[in-house]
Amino acid sequence: MSAIPTGRLFRTESGVDLVLTRTFRAPAEDVWASLTEPERTARWFGPWEGTAAPGGSVKVRMVFEEGQPWMEMRVEACEPPRRLELSAVDDHGTWHTSLRLSEVDGGTEVRFTQHLADAEGIQEVGPGWEYYLDLLVAARAGTPPVRFDDYYPAQKAYYEGLTAE
């Protein structure tokens, strides 16, 4: 399979945002469930446990990562079925992500944003999020999961060449 990179960078007051979108032929409530219910997130990202409310924290098992580590994430905002913001700190840095769902042509668009201080490391971060979002697409379609090898290093040059709009 040849995965096509879709990410874009946008300047913000505090750095840059990496934005990726995926569109689903399903109502927002159903797509929201794929993003928030532990048994459904397990199919494309990992199961989670904890307090899934603003200010709460959850532990997510990264089942598609080597060693399947657990990662603690803080729920910054949760407005079903439209907006979810999460943050985390791990060995690779600070992560602040948001997902916004909107109705588009009878379906639902998911706009994933990683808020970054700068574009350093984007050549690795971008392909990683492309991979996870396509795992979501495959999980929802009931097709076999995509392979990370189709994303990295294949998309590295695309992300190295991105400039913020």
N, C-alpha and C. Protein backbone atom coordinates (compact mmCIF):
# COMPACT_ATOMS: atom_id res chain seq x y z
N MET A 1 0.83 -1.19 0.00
CA MET A 1 0.00 0.00 0.00
C MET A 1 0.87 1.25 0.00
N SER A 2 0.43 2.27 -0.68
CA SER A 2 1.15 3.54 -0.70
C SER A 2 0.29 4.58 0.01
N ALA A 3 0.64 4.89 1.24
CA ALA A 3 -0.10 5.88 2.02
C ALA A 3 0.27 7.28 1.55
N ILE A 4 -0.73 8.09 1.31
CA ILE A 4 -0.51 9.45 0.82
C ILE A 4 -0.59 10.43 1.98
N PRO A 5 0.47 11.22 2.21
CA PRO A 5 0.45 12.17 3.33
C PRO A 5 -0.52 13.32 3.05
N THR A 6 -1.19 13.78 4.11
CA THR A 6 -2.20 14.82 3.97
C THR A 6 -1.99 15.99 4.92
N GLY A 7 -1.06 15.89 5.84
CA GLY A 7 -0.90 16.91 6.88
C GLY A 7 -0.53 18.27 6.34
N ARG A 8 -0.97 19.29 7.09
CA ARG A 8 -0.64 20.68 6.76
C ARG A 8 -0.21 21.37 8.05
N LEU A 9 0.64 22.37 7.90
CA LEU A 9 1.11 23.15 9.05
C LEU A 9 0.53 24.56 8.98
N PHE A 10 0.10 25.06 10.14
CA PHE A 10 -0.44 26.42 10.24
C PHE A 10 0.27 27.15 11.37
N ARG A 11 0.66 28.40 11.11
CA ARG A 11 1.27 29.23 12.16
C ARG A 11 0.21 29.61 13.19
N THR A 12 0.63 29.64 14.45
CA THR A 12 -0.24 30.10 15.53
C THR A 12 0.56 31.10 16.36
N GLU A 13 -0.08 31.73 17.32
CA GLU A 13 0.62 32.68 18.19
C GLU A 13 1.70 32.00 19.02
N SER A 14 1.50 30.71 19.31
CA SER A 14 2.45 30.02 20.18
C SER A 14 3.32 28.99 19.46
N GLY A 15 3.23 28.90 18.12
CA GLY A 15 4.04 27.93 17.39
C GLY A 15 3.41 27.54 16.08
N VAL A 16 3.20 26.25 15.89
CA VAL A 16 2.56 25.73 14.68
C VAL A 16 1.59 24.62 15.05
N ASP A 17 0.59 24.46 14.21
CA ASP A 17 -0.36 23.35 14.36
C ASP A 17 -0.19 22.42 13.18
N LEU A 18 -0.06 21.14 13.46
CA LEU A 18 -0.11 20.10 12.44
C LEU A 18 -1.57 19.66 12.36
N VAL A 19 -2.16 19.75 11.18
CA VAL A 19 -3.58 19.43 11.01
C VAL A 19 -3.74 18.33 9.97
N LEU A 20 -4.52 17.30 10.33
CA LEU A 20 -4.86 16.21 9.42
C LEU A 20 -6.36 15.99 9.52
N THR A 21 -7.00 15.64 8.42
CA THR A 21 -8.43 15.38 8.46
C THR A 21 -8.74 14.03 7.84
N ARG A 22 -9.82 13.44 8.31
CA ARG A 22 -10.38 12.23 7.72
C ARG A 22 -11.90 12.41 7.73
N THR A 23 -12.56 11.89 6.69
CA THR A 23 -14.01 12.01 6.57
C THR A 23 -14.63 10.62 6.57
N PHE A 24 -15.75 10.50 7.29
CA PHE A 24 -16.44 9.22 7.45
C PHE A 24 -17.90 9.37 7.05
N ARG A 25 -18.43 8.37 6.41
CA ARG A 25 -19.86 8.34 6.05
C ARG A 25 -20.62 7.78 7.24
N ALA A 26 -20.72 8.57 8.29
CA ALA A 26 -21.38 8.16 9.52
C ALA A 26 -21.74 9.41 10.31
N PRO A 27 -22.75 9.31 11.17
CA PRO A 27 -23.08 10.47 12.01
C PRO A 27 -21.98 10.74 13.04
N ALA A 28 -21.91 11.98 13.47
CA ALA A 28 -20.88 12.41 14.43
C ALA A 28 -20.90 11.56 15.69
N GLU A 29 -22.06 11.18 16.17
CA GLU A 29 -22.15 10.39 17.41
C GLU A 29 -21.43 9.06 17.27
N ASP A 30 -21.55 8.42 16.10
CA ASP A 30 -20.89 7.13 15.87
C ASP A 30 -19.38 7.30 15.76
N VAL A 31 -18.94 8.33 15.05
CA VAL A 31 -17.50 8.59 14.94
C VAL A 31 -16.95 8.95 16.31
N TRP A 32 -17.68 9.76 17.07
CA TRP A 32 -17.28 10.13 18.43
C TRP A 32 -17.04 8.88 19.28
N ALA A 33 -17.92 7.91 19.16
CA ALA A 33 -17.77 6.65 19.92
C ALA A 33 -16.46 5.95 19.55
N SER A 34 -16.06 6.02 18.28
CA SER A 34 -14.78 5.41 17.86
C SER A 34 -13.59 6.12 18.47
N LEU A 35 -13.77 7.39 18.83
CA LEU A 35 -12.70 8.19 19.41
C LEU A 35 -12.66 8.15 20.93
N THR A 36 -13.76 7.70 21.56
CA THR A 36 -13.85 7.85 23.02
C THR A 36 -14.21 6.59 23.80
N GLU A 37 -14.79 5.59 23.19
CA GLU A 37 -15.17 4.38 23.92
C GLU A 37 -14.00 3.41 23.95
N PRO A 38 -13.57 2.96 25.15
CA PRO A 38 -12.37 2.13 25.27
C PRO A 38 -12.33 0.91 24.36
N GLU A 39 -13.46 0.21 24.22
CA GLU A 39 -13.45 -0.99 23.38
C GLU A 39 -13.31 -0.64 21.90
N ARG A 40 -13.70 0.58 21.53
CA ARG A 40 -13.54 0.99 20.13
C ARG A 40 -12.18 1.64 19.89
N THR A 41 -11.66 2.39 20.85
CA THR A 41 -10.32 2.97 20.68
C THR A 41 -9.27 1.86 20.64
N ALA A 42 -9.57 0.74 21.29
CA ALA A 42 -8.64 -0.40 21.31
C ALA A 42 -8.38 -0.93 19.90
N ARG A 43 -9.30 -0.72 18.98
CA ARG A 43 -9.17 -1.23 17.61
C ARG A 43 -8.18 -0.44 16.76
N TRP A 44 -7.87 0.80 17.17
CA TRP A 44 -7.01 1.63 16.31
C TRP A 44 -5.94 2.41 17.07
N PHE A 45 -6.06 2.53 18.36
CA PHE A 45 -5.09 3.30 19.14
C PHE A 45 -4.69 2.53 20.39
N GLY A 46 -5.68 2.21 21.19
CA GLY A 46 -5.46 1.44 22.40
C GLY A 46 -6.59 1.64 23.37
N PRO A 47 -6.83 0.66 24.25
CA PRO A 47 -7.86 0.82 25.26
C PRO A 47 -7.39 1.81 26.33
N TRP A 48 -8.32 2.36 27.05
CA TRP A 48 -7.97 3.30 28.10
C TRP A 48 -8.80 3.03 29.34
N GLU A 49 -8.31 3.57 30.45
CA GLU A 49 -9.04 3.49 31.72
C GLU A 49 -8.79 4.79 32.47
N GLY A 50 -9.74 5.18 33.31
CA GLY A 50 -9.56 6.39 34.10
C GLY A 50 -10.77 7.30 34.06
N THR A 51 -10.57 8.54 34.40
CA THR A 51 -11.63 9.53 34.49
C THR A 51 -11.67 10.36 33.21
N ALA A 52 -12.63 10.03 32.35
CA ALA A 52 -12.72 10.69 31.05
C ALA A 52 -13.64 11.90 31.13
N ALA A 53 -13.17 12.91 31.83
CA ALA A 53 -13.91 14.17 31.97
C ALA A 53 -12.89 15.29 32.02
N PRO A 54 -13.28 16.50 31.64
CA PRO A 54 -12.34 17.62 31.68
C PRO A 54 -11.65 17.71 33.05
N GLY A 55 -10.33 17.80 33.01
CA GLY A 55 -9.53 17.84 34.23
C GLY A 55 -9.13 16.47 34.73
N GLY A 56 -9.75 15.41 34.21
CA GLY A 56 -9.43 14.06 34.60
C GLY A 56 -8.28 13.52 33.78
N SER A 57 -7.82 12.33 34.15
CA SER A 57 -6.75 11.72 33.36
C SER A 57 -7.09 10.26 33.08
N VAL A 58 -6.57 9.79 31.96
CA VAL A 58 -6.76 8.42 31.55
C VAL A 58 -5.41 7.81 31.23
N LYS A 59 -5.31 6.51 31.35
CA LYS A 59 -4.12 5.78 30.92
C LYS A 59 -4.51 5.00 29.68
N VAL A 60 -3.73 5.18 28.62
CA VAL A 60 -3.99 4.53 27.35
C VAL A 60 -2.89 3.52 27.07
N ARG A 61 -3.29 2.33 26.71
CA ARG A 61 -2.31 1.31 26.33
C ARG A 61 -2.08 1.43 24.83
N MET A 62 -0.86 1.73 24.45
CA MET A 62 -0.50 1.97 23.06
C MET A 62 -0.25 0.62 22.37
N VAL A 63 -1.33 -0.05 21.95
CA VAL A 63 -1.22 -1.42 21.46
C VAL A 63 -0.53 -1.53 20.10
N PHE A 64 -0.39 -0.43 19.38
CA PHE A 64 0.29 -0.49 18.08
C PHE A 64 1.74 -0.01 18.17
N GLU A 65 2.23 0.16 19.39
CA GLU A 65 3.62 0.56 19.62
C GLU A 65 4.40 -0.63 20.17
N GLU A 66 5.69 -0.65 19.92
CA GLU A 66 6.54 -1.72 20.43
C GLU A 66 6.46 -1.77 21.96
N GLY A 67 6.21 -2.94 22.50
CA GLY A 67 6.11 -3.12 23.94
C GLY A 67 4.77 -2.73 24.52
N GLN A 68 3.88 -2.19 23.72
CA GLN A 68 2.55 -1.78 24.14
C GLN A 68 2.56 -1.00 25.46
N PRO A 69 3.30 0.11 25.51
CA PRO A 69 3.40 0.87 26.77
C PRO A 69 2.09 1.58 27.12
N TRP A 70 1.96 1.92 28.39
CA TRP A 70 0.84 2.73 28.86
C TRP A 70 1.27 4.19 28.86
N MET A 71 0.36 5.08 28.49
CA MET A 71 0.65 6.51 28.45
C MET A 71 -0.46 7.24 29.20
N GLU A 72 -0.06 8.12 30.10
CA GLU A 72 -1.06 8.90 30.83
C GLU A 72 -1.39 10.16 30.04
N MET A 73 -2.70 10.43 29.92
CA MET A 73 -3.16 11.60 29.19
C MET A 73 -4.16 12.36 30.06
N ARG A 74 -4.10 13.68 29.94
CA ARG A 74 -5.03 14.53 30.67
C ARG A 74 -6.12 14.99 29.70
N VAL A 75 -7.36 14.93 30.14
CA VAL A 75 -8.48 15.40 29.33
C VAL A 75 -8.62 16.90 29.58
N GLU A 76 -8.28 17.69 28.59
CA GLU A 76 -8.36 19.15 28.70
C GLU A 76 -9.76 19.66 28.41
N ALA A 77 -10.43 19.04 27.45
CA ALA A 77 -11.80 19.43 27.09
C ALA A 77 -12.51 18.23 26.48
N CYS A 78 -13.81 18.13 26.75
CA CYS A 78 -14.61 17.05 26.19
C CYS A 78 -16.03 17.58 26.01
N GLU A 79 -16.41 17.76 24.74
CA GLU A 79 -17.73 18.29 24.41
C GLU A 79 -18.36 17.36 23.37
N PRO A 80 -18.97 16.24 23.83
CA PRO A 80 -19.54 15.26 22.91
C PRO A 80 -20.63 15.88 22.04
N PRO A 81 -20.73 15.50 20.80
CA PRO A 81 -19.80 14.72 20.00
C PRO A 81 -18.95 15.60 19.09
N ARG A 82 -18.49 16.72 19.57
CA ARG A 82 -17.83 17.69 18.69
C ARG A 82 -16.37 17.98 18.98
N ARG A 83 -15.94 17.93 20.24
CA ARG A 83 -14.58 18.40 20.56
C ARG A 83 -13.97 17.59 21.70
N LEU A 84 -12.71 17.17 21.48
CA LEU A 84 -11.93 16.46 22.49
C LEU A 84 -10.51 17.01 22.45
N GLU A 85 -9.99 17.42 23.60
CA GLU A 85 -8.60 17.89 23.69
C GLU A 85 -7.89 17.09 24.77
N LEU A 86 -6.69 16.65 24.44
CA LEU A 86 -5.89 15.83 25.33
C LEU A 86 -4.47 16.37 25.40
N SER A 87 -3.82 16.14 26.53
CA SER A 87 -2.40 16.48 26.64
C SER A 87 -1.68 15.35 27.36
N ALA A 88 -0.39 15.27 27.09
CA ALA A 88 0.43 14.23 27.71
C ALA A 88 1.88 14.67 27.69
N VAL A 89 2.65 14.10 28.59
CA VAL A 89 4.09 14.30 28.61
C VAL A 89 4.71 12.91 28.66
N ASP A 90 5.66 12.65 27.75
CA ASP A 90 6.35 11.37 27.77
C ASP A 90 7.82 11.57 27.42
N ASP A 91 8.53 10.50 27.17
CA ASP A 91 9.96 10.57 26.85
C ASP A 91 10.25 11.36 25.58
N HIS A 92 9.23 11.54 24.73
CA HIS A 92 9.42 12.23 23.45
C HIS A 92 8.99 13.69 23.51
N GLY A 93 8.48 14.13 24.64
CA GLY A 93 8.10 15.54 24.76
C GLY A 93 6.69 15.74 25.29
N THR A 94 6.18 16.93 25.05
CA THR A 94 4.84 17.31 25.46
C THR A 94 3.91 17.22 24.26
N TRP A 95 2.75 16.63 24.47
CA TRP A 95 1.78 16.44 23.40
C TRP A 95 0.50 17.17 23.78
N HIS A 96 0.01 18.02 22.90
CA HIS A 96 -1.28 18.67 23.08
C HIS A 96 -2.03 18.49 21.77
N THR A 97 -3.09 17.69 21.83
CA THR A 97 -3.83 17.36 20.62
C THR A 97 -5.31 17.72 20.79
N SER A 98 -5.95 17.98 19.67
CA SER A 98 -7.39 18.21 19.70
C SER A 98 -8.03 17.52 18.50
N LEU A 99 -9.24 17.08 18.72
CA LEU A 99 -10.05 16.49 17.66
C LEU A 99 -11.37 17.24 17.62
N ARG A 100 -11.73 17.68 16.43
CA ARG A 100 -13.01 18.39 16.24
C ARG A 100 -13.78 17.66 15.16
N LEU A 101 -15.03 17.41 15.44
CA LEU A 101 -15.90 16.72 14.49
C LEU A 101 -16.92 17.71 13.95
N SER A 102 -17.14 17.65 12.63
CA SER A 102 -18.14 18.51 12.02
C SER A 102 -18.84 17.75 10.90
N GLU A 103 -20.09 18.13 10.65
CA GLU A 103 -20.85 17.49 9.59
C GLU A 103 -20.39 18.02 8.25
N VAL A 104 -20.16 17.10 7.30
CA VAL A 104 -19.71 17.46 5.97
C VAL A 104 -20.39 16.52 4.97
N ASP A 105 -21.18 17.06 4.06
CA ASP A 105 -21.80 16.29 2.98
C ASP A 105 -22.44 14.98 3.45
N GLY A 106 -23.23 15.04 4.50
CA GLY A 106 -23.92 13.86 4.99
C GLY A 106 -23.05 12.92 5.80
N GLY A 107 -21.83 13.31 6.10
CA GLY A 107 -20.93 12.49 6.91
C GLY A 107 -20.30 13.33 8.00
N THR A 108 -19.19 12.85 8.53
CA THR A 108 -18.50 13.55 9.61
C THR A 108 -17.03 13.68 9.28
N GLU A 109 -16.52 14.89 9.40
CA GLU A 109 -15.10 15.14 9.23
C GLU A 109 -14.46 15.23 10.61
N VAL A 110 -13.35 14.52 10.77
CA VAL A 110 -12.54 14.63 11.98
C VAL A 110 -11.33 15.48 11.62
N ARG A 111 -11.17 16.57 12.34
CA ARG A 111 -10.00 17.44 12.16
C ARG A 111 -9.10 17.22 13.37
N PHE A 112 -8.00 16.54 13.13
CA PHE A 112 -7.02 16.26 14.18
C PHE A 112 -5.95 17.34 14.15
N THR A 113 -5.63 17.90 15.31
CA THR A 113 -4.60 18.93 15.39
C THR A 113 -3.62 18.59 16.50
N GLN A 114 -2.33 18.63 16.17
CA GLN A 114 -1.30 18.56 17.19
C GLN A 114 -0.73 19.97 17.29
N HIS A 115 -0.83 20.55 18.48
CA HIS A 115 -0.31 21.89 18.72
C HIS A 115 1.16 21.76 19.11
N LEU A 116 2.04 22.42 18.34
CA LEU A 116 3.48 22.29 18.52
C LEU A 116 4.13 23.65 18.76
N ALA A 117 5.21 23.67 19.52
CA ALA A 117 5.97 24.91 19.72
C ALA A 117 6.68 25.30 18.43
N ASP A 118 7.13 24.30 17.68
CA ASP A 118 7.80 24.54 16.39
C ASP A 118 7.69 23.27 15.56
N ALA A 119 8.26 23.30 14.38
CA ALA A 119 8.15 22.16 13.47
C ALA A 119 9.26 21.12 13.65
N GLU A 120 10.07 21.26 14.67
CA GLU A 120 11.14 20.30 14.90
C GLU A 120 10.55 18.90 15.13
N GLY A 121 11.07 17.93 14.40
CA GLY A 121 10.61 16.55 14.52
C GLY A 121 9.36 16.23 13.73
N ILE A 122 8.86 17.19 12.95
CA ILE A 122 7.63 16.98 12.19
C ILE A 122 7.74 15.81 11.22
N GLN A 123 8.95 15.52 10.75
CA GLN A 123 9.15 14.42 9.80
C GLN A 123 8.88 13.06 10.42
N GLU A 124 8.84 12.99 11.74
CA GLU A 124 8.49 11.74 12.43
C GLU A 124 7.08 11.80 12.99
N VAL A 125 6.70 12.95 13.52
CA VAL A 125 5.37 13.12 14.12
C VAL A 125 4.28 13.00 13.06
N GLY A 126 4.45 13.67 11.93
CA GLY A 126 3.43 13.65 10.88
C GLY A 126 3.09 12.25 10.39
N PRO A 127 4.08 11.46 9.96
CA PRO A 127 3.77 10.10 9.52
C PRO A 127 3.12 9.26 10.62
N GLY A 128 3.51 9.50 11.86
CA GLY A 128 2.90 8.75 12.97
C GLY A 128 1.41 9.01 13.09
N TRP A 129 1.02 10.28 13.00
CA TRP A 129 -0.42 10.60 13.09
C TRP A 129 -1.17 10.15 11.85
N GLU A 130 -0.54 10.22 10.68
CA GLU A 130 -1.17 9.69 9.46
C GLU A 130 -1.49 8.20 9.68
N TYR A 131 -0.52 7.49 10.22
CA TYR A 131 -0.66 6.06 10.49
C TYR A 131 -1.84 5.80 11.44
N TYR A 132 -1.88 6.51 12.56
CA TYR A 132 -2.95 6.28 13.53
C TYR A 132 -4.32 6.64 12.96
N LEU A 133 -4.41 7.73 12.23
CA LEU A 133 -5.72 8.10 11.66
C LEU A 133 -6.15 7.09 10.60
N ASP A 134 -5.21 6.53 9.86
CA ASP A 134 -5.58 5.49 8.90
C ASP A 134 -5.90 4.17 9.59
N LEU A 135 -5.33 3.93 10.77
CA LEU A 135 -5.77 2.79 11.58
C LEU A 135 -7.24 2.98 11.98
N LEU A 136 -7.61 4.22 12.33
CA LEU A 136 -9.01 4.53 12.64
C LEU A 136 -9.90 4.25 11.43
N VAL A 137 -9.48 4.69 10.26
CA VAL A 137 -10.25 4.45 9.02
C VAL A 137 -10.43 2.95 8.82
N ALA A 138 -9.35 2.19 8.95
CA ALA A 138 -9.42 0.73 8.74
C ALA A 138 -10.31 0.07 9.79
N ALA A 139 -10.20 0.49 11.05
CA ALA A 139 -11.02 -0.09 12.11
C ALA A 139 -12.50 0.15 11.85
N ARG A 140 -12.83 1.35 11.42
CA ARG A 140 -14.23 1.68 11.15
C ARG A 140 -14.75 0.93 9.92
N ALA A 141 -13.88 0.69 8.94
CA ALA A 141 -14.28 -0.01 7.71
C ALA A 141 -14.25 -1.53 7.88
N GLY A 142 -13.64 -2.01 8.96
CA GLY A 142 -13.53 -3.45 9.16
C GLY A 142 -12.50 -4.10 8.26
N THR A 143 -11.50 -3.31 7.84
CA THR A 143 -10.44 -3.84 6.99
C THR A 143 -9.19 -4.08 7.82
N PRO A 144 -8.23 -4.84 7.30
CA PRO A 144 -7.01 -5.10 8.07
C PRO A 144 -6.28 -3.79 8.43
N PRO A 145 -5.60 -3.77 9.57
CA PRO A 145 -4.88 -2.55 9.96
C PRO A 145 -3.75 -2.23 8.98
N VAL A 146 -3.49 -0.94 8.83
CA VAL A 146 -2.38 -0.49 7.97
C VAL A 146 -1.06 -0.82 8.67
N ARG A 147 0.02 -0.75 7.91
CA ARG A 147 1.35 -1.05 8.46
C ARG A 147 2.16 0.24 8.57
N PHE A 148 2.83 0.42 9.70
CA PHE A 148 3.62 1.63 9.92
C PHE A 148 4.71 1.79 8.87
N ASP A 149 5.24 0.68 8.39
CA ASP A 149 6.29 0.72 7.37
C ASP A 149 5.84 1.42 6.09
N ASP A 150 4.54 1.51 5.87
CA ASP A 150 4.03 2.23 4.70
C ASP A 150 4.00 3.74 4.92
N TYR A 151 4.27 4.18 6.14
CA TYR A 151 4.20 5.60 6.49
C TYR A 151 5.57 6.20 6.77
N TYR A 152 6.38 5.43 7.45
CA TYR A 152 7.70 5.94 7.81
C TYR A 152 8.75 4.89 7.45
N PRO A 153 9.74 5.27 6.68
CA PRO A 153 10.19 6.62 6.32
C PRO A 153 9.60 7.18 5.03
N ALA A 154 8.61 6.49 4.42
CA ALA A 154 8.09 6.91 3.12
C ALA A 154 7.57 8.35 3.11
N GLN A 155 6.99 8.82 4.21
CA GLN A 155 6.42 10.18 4.25
C GLN A 155 7.37 11.21 4.85
N LYS A 156 8.54 10.79 5.21
CA LYS A 156 9.49 11.69 5.86
C LYS A 156 9.80 12.92 5.01
N ALA A 157 10.09 12.74 3.74
CA ALA A 157 10.44 13.86 2.86
C ALA A 157 9.28 14.84 2.72
N TYR A 158 8.06 14.34 2.62
CA TYR A 158 6.89 15.22 2.53
C TYR A 158 6.84 16.15 3.74
N TYR A 159 6.99 15.57 4.92
CA TYR A 159 6.89 16.38 6.15
C TYR A 159 8.09 17.29 6.33
N GLU A 160 9.26 16.87 5.89
CA GLU A 160 10.43 17.77 5.96
C GLU A 160 10.24 19.00 5.08
N GLY A 161 9.48 18.83 4.00
CA GLY A 161 9.25 19.93 3.07
C GLY A 161 8.09 20.85 3.42
N LEU A 162 7.33 20.50 4.45
CA LEU A 162 6.19 21.33 4.82
C LEU A 162 6.64 22.67 5.40
N THR A 163 5.94 23.71 5.04
CA THR A 163 6.12 25.02 5.65
C THR A 163 4.77 25.49 6.17
N ALA A 164 4.80 26.25 7.25
CA ALA A 164 3.55 26.71 7.86
C ALA A 164 2.89 27.78 7.01
N GLU A 165 1.58 27.67 6.89
CA GLU A 165 0.78 28.63 6.12
C GLU A 165 0.38 29.82 7.00
